[in-house]
Amino acid sequence: TTPICTRGDILFSQFTVSATTIATMATAGAAGIFHDLIWMTLMNNATVEAQIRIRDTSTATKWAQINLAADGGGIAFQPGRPAIQAAAAGTWDMQLAAEITGQVDVSAEFVRTT
């Protein structure tokens, strides 16, 4: 469920990934600001399986690893409570484990908290 908050506290991110370069899901907030993950959807439009690594950069460790089936494999993720960011002023990043022919479409929503 989405926490009760003002519109200004919601951060929406939508992008595609197809290479092993790191993509930023949510940019760093100001000092003392956290971006907690509310929901995300991933859809693999490639002809091969895609392995996605999601990282809360404030901890510098992998937060989740998701395998998406080829040709339309996807996932919708909405935790029962926001996935909390470990430290303020960090980013959320995503990276493919290997190059793919095609792309993974990503949508994610975060809430700003202090």
C-alpha atoms as a PDB file:
ATOM      1  CA  THR A   1       0.000   0.000   0.000  1.00  0.00           C
ATOM      2  CA  THR A   2       1.063   3.554  -0.626  1.00  0.00           C
ATOM      3  CA  PRO A   3       1.821   5.520   2.533  1.00  0.00           C
ATOM      4  CA  ILE A   4      -0.163   8.664   3.161  1.00  0.00           C
ATOM      5  CA  CYS A   5       1.928  11.579   1.945  1.00  0.00           C
ATOM      6  CA  THR A   6       1.768  14.733  -0.153  1.00  0.00           C
ATOM      7  CA  ARG A   7       2.282  14.657  -3.925  1.00  0.00           C
ATOM      8  CA  GLY A   8       5.616  16.372  -3.538  1.00  0.00           C
ATOM      9  CA  ASP A   9       6.893  13.359  -1.621  1.00  0.00           C
ATOM     10  CA  ILE A  10       6.328  10.872  -4.474  1.00  0.00           C
ATOM     11  CA  LEU A  11       9.152  10.177  -6.939  1.00  0.00           C
ATOM     12  CA  PHE A  12       8.273   8.286 -10.140  1.00  0.00           C
ATOM     13  CA  SER A  13      10.911   6.728 -12.363  1.00  0.00           C
ATOM     14  CA  GLN A  14      10.432   5.136 -15.793  1.00  0.00           C
ATOM     15  CA  PHE A  15      13.266   3.964 -18.066  1.00  0.00           C
ATOM     16  CA  THR A  16      14.683   1.040 -20.062  1.00  0.00           C
ATOM     17  CA  VAL A  17      17.889  -0.961 -19.622  1.00  0.00           C
ATOM     18  CA  SER A  18      19.672  -3.152 -22.156  1.00  0.00           C
ATOM     19  CA  ALA A  19      23.334  -3.048 -21.199  1.00  0.00           C
ATOM     20  CA  THR A  20      25.339  -3.876 -18.106  1.00  0.00           C
ATOM     21  CA  THR A  21      25.887  -0.198 -17.326  1.00  0.00           C
ATOM     22  CA  ILE A  22      24.301   0.946 -14.070  1.00  0.00           C
ATOM     23  CA  ALA A  23      20.963   2.748 -14.399  1.00  0.00           C
ATOM     24  CA  THR A  24      19.776   5.032 -11.608  1.00  0.00           C
ATOM     25  CA  MET A  25      16.242   4.253 -10.442  1.00  0.00           C
ATOM     26  CA  ALA A  26      16.075   7.086  -7.918  1.00  0.00           C
ATOM     27  CA  THR A  27      18.560   9.914  -7.618  1.00  0.00           C
ATOM     28  CA  ALA A  28      20.068  10.810  -4.266  1.00  0.00           C
ATOM     29  CA  GLY A  29      17.999  12.957  -2.000  1.00  0.00           C
ATOM     30  CA  ALA A  30      19.325  15.876  -0.017  1.00  0.00           C
ATOM     31  CA  ALA A  31      21.033  15.329   3.318  1.00  0.00           C
ATOM     32  CA  GLY A  32      18.615  13.568   5.671  1.00  0.00           C
ATOM     33  CA  ILE A  33      16.234  12.478   2.868  1.00  0.00           C
ATOM     34  CA  PHE A  34      15.461   8.809   2.172  1.00  0.00           C
ATOM     35  CA  HIS A  35      13.767   7.381  -0.940  1.00  0.00           C
ATOM     36  CA  ASP A  36      11.789   4.294   0.074  1.00  0.00           C
ATOM     37  CA  LEU A  37      10.591   1.971  -2.701  1.00  0.00           C
ATOM     38  CA  ILE A  38       6.782   1.695  -2.893  1.00  0.00           C
ATOM     39  CA  TRP A  39       6.368  -0.415  -6.057  1.00  0.00           C
ATOM     40  CA  MET A  40       8.000  -1.354  -9.327  1.00  0.00           C
ATOM     41  CA  THR A  41       7.234  -3.252 -12.505  1.00  0.00           C
ATOM     42  CA  LEU A  42       9.773  -4.909 -14.804  1.00  0.00           C
ATOM     43  CA  MET A  43       9.029  -6.288 -18.292  1.00  0.00           C
ATOM     44  CA  ASN A  44      11.596  -8.145 -20.392  1.00  0.00           C
ATOM     45  CA  ASN A  45      11.228  -7.469 -24.124  1.00  0.00           C
ATOM     46  CA  ALA A  46      14.416  -9.361 -25.028  1.00  0.00           C
ATOM     47  CA  THR A  47      14.593 -12.788 -26.657  1.00  0.00           C
ATOM     48  CA  VAL A  48      16.709 -14.124 -23.764  1.00  0.00           C
ATOM     49  CA  GLU A  49      16.255 -14.287 -20.002  1.00  0.00           C
ATOM     50  CA  ALA A  50      17.340 -11.143 -18.180  1.00  0.00           C
ATOM     51  CA  GLN A  51      18.826 -11.103 -14.699  1.00  0.00           C
ATOM     52  CA  ILE A  52      18.327  -7.782 -12.935  1.00  0.00           C
ATOM     53  CA  ARG A  53      20.314  -6.653  -9.892  1.00  0.00           C
ATOM     54  CA  ILE A  54      18.818  -3.910  -7.754  1.00  0.00           C
ATOM     55  CA  ARG A  55      20.967  -2.058  -5.272  1.00  0.00           C
ATOM     56  CA  ASP A  56      20.429   0.486  -2.527  1.00  0.00           C
ATOM     57  CA  THR A  57      23.718   2.316  -2.954  1.00  0.00           C
ATOM     58  CA  SER A  58      23.738   3.568   0.612  1.00  0.00           C
ATOM     59  CA  THR A  59      24.686  -0.009   1.623  1.00  0.00           C
ATOM     60  CA  ALA A  60      26.758  -0.809  -1.508  1.00  0.00           C
ATOM     61  CA  THR A  61      25.259  -4.298  -1.547  1.00  0.00           C
ATOM     62  CA  LYS A  62      22.683  -6.001  -3.735  1.00  0.00           C
ATOM     63  CA  TRP A  63      19.159  -5.484  -2.403  1.00  0.00           C
ATOM     64  CA  ALA A  64      17.441  -7.919  -4.787  1.00  0.00           C
ATOM     65  CA  GLN A  65      18.127 -10.072  -7.816  1.00  0.00           C
ATOM     66  CA  ILE A  66      15.261 -10.830 -10.186  1.00  0.00           C
ATOM     67  CA  ASN A  67      15.266 -13.204 -13.162  1.00  0.00           C
ATOM     68  CA  LEU A  68      12.850 -12.319 -15.953  1.00  0.00           C
ATOM     69  CA  ALA A  69      11.834 -14.880 -18.570  1.00  0.00           C
ATOM     70  CA  ALA A  70      12.428 -14.045 -22.252  1.00  0.00           C
ATOM     71  CA  ASP A  71       9.796 -12.484 -24.530  1.00  0.00           C
ATOM     72  CA  GLY A  72       7.544 -10.697 -22.067  1.00  0.00           C
ATOM     73  CA  GLY A  73       8.580 -12.123 -18.710  1.00  0.00           C
ATOM     74  CA  GLY A  74       7.740  -9.584 -16.072  1.00  0.00           C
ATOM     75  CA  ILE A  75       7.057  -8.874 -12.446  1.00  0.00           C
ATOM     76  CA  ALA A  76       5.010  -6.392 -10.459  1.00  0.00           C
ATOM     77  CA  PHE A  77       6.371  -5.823  -6.962  1.00  0.00           C
ATOM     78  CA  GLN A  78       4.514  -3.968  -4.243  1.00  0.00           C
ATOM     79  CA  PRO A  79       5.687  -4.750  -0.730  1.00  0.00           C
ATOM     80  CA  GLY A  80       3.271  -4.640   2.194  1.00  0.00           C
ATOM     81  CA  ARG A  81       5.243  -1.657   3.446  1.00  0.00           C
ATOM     82  CA  PRO A  82       7.786   0.534   1.640  1.00  0.00           C
ATOM     83  CA  ALA A  83      11.212  -1.054   1.133  1.00  0.00           C
ATOM     84  CA  ILE A  84      13.246   1.302   3.282  1.00  0.00           C
ATOM     85  CA  GLN A  85      16.485   2.822   2.106  1.00  0.00           C
ATOM     86  CA  ALA A  86      19.313   2.021   4.511  1.00  0.00           C
ATOM     87  CA  ALA A  87      20.850   5.515   4.644  1.00  0.00           C
ATOM     88  CA  ALA A  88      19.844   9.011   3.592  1.00  0.00           C
ATOM     89  CA  ALA A  89      21.097  10.762   0.463  1.00  0.00           C
ATOM     90  CA  GLY A  90      21.734   7.538  -1.476  1.00  0.00           C
ATOM     91  CA  THR A  91      20.506   6.270  -4.837  1.00  0.00           C
ATOM     92  CA  TRP A  92      18.717   3.115  -5.963  1.00  0.00           C
ATOM     93  CA  ASP A  93      20.454   1.506  -8.957  1.00  0.00           C
ATOM     94  CA  MET A  94      19.680  -1.294 -11.369  1.00  0.00           C
ATOM     95  CA  GLN A  95      22.014  -3.331 -13.548  1.00  0.00           C
ATOM     96  CA  LEU A  96      21.678  -6.251 -15.932  1.00  0.00           C
ATOM     97  CA  ALA A  97      23.942  -9.201 -15.148  1.00  0.00           C
ATOM     98  CA  ALA A  98      24.705  -9.637 -18.885  1.00  0.00           C
ATOM     99  CA  GLU A  99      24.161  -7.795 -22.178  1.00  0.00           C
ATOM    100  CA  ILE A 100      20.869  -8.633 -23.897  1.00  0.00           C
ATOM    101  CA  THR A 101      19.416  -8.027 -27.344  1.00  0.00           C
ATOM    102  CA  GLY A 102      16.311  -6.032 -26.555  1.00  0.00           C
ATOM    103  CA  GLN A 103      15.432  -4.154 -23.414  1.00  0.00           C
ATOM    104  CA  VAL A 104      13.834  -4.341 -19.996  1.00  0.00           C
ATOM    105  CA  ASP A 105      11.175  -1.707 -19.298  1.00  0.00           C
ATOM    106  CA  VAL A 106      11.150  -0.416 -15.731  1.00  0.00           C
ATOM    107  CA  SER A 107       8.676   1.682 -13.749  1.00  0.00           C
ATOM    108  CA  ALA A 108       9.197   2.431 -10.074  1.00  0.00           C
ATOM    109  CA  GLU A 109       7.757   4.709  -7.434  1.00  0.00           C
ATOM    110  CA  PHE A 110       9.447   5.946  -4.275  1.00  0.00           C
ATOM    111  CA  VAL A 111       8.321   8.053  -1.325  1.00  0.00           C
ATOM    112  CA  ARG A 112      10.579  10.716   0.179  1.00  0.00           C
ATOM    113  CA  THR A 113      10.925  10.462   3.941  1.00  0.00           C
ATOM    114  CA  THR A 114      13.113  11.944   6.643  1.00  0.00           C
END
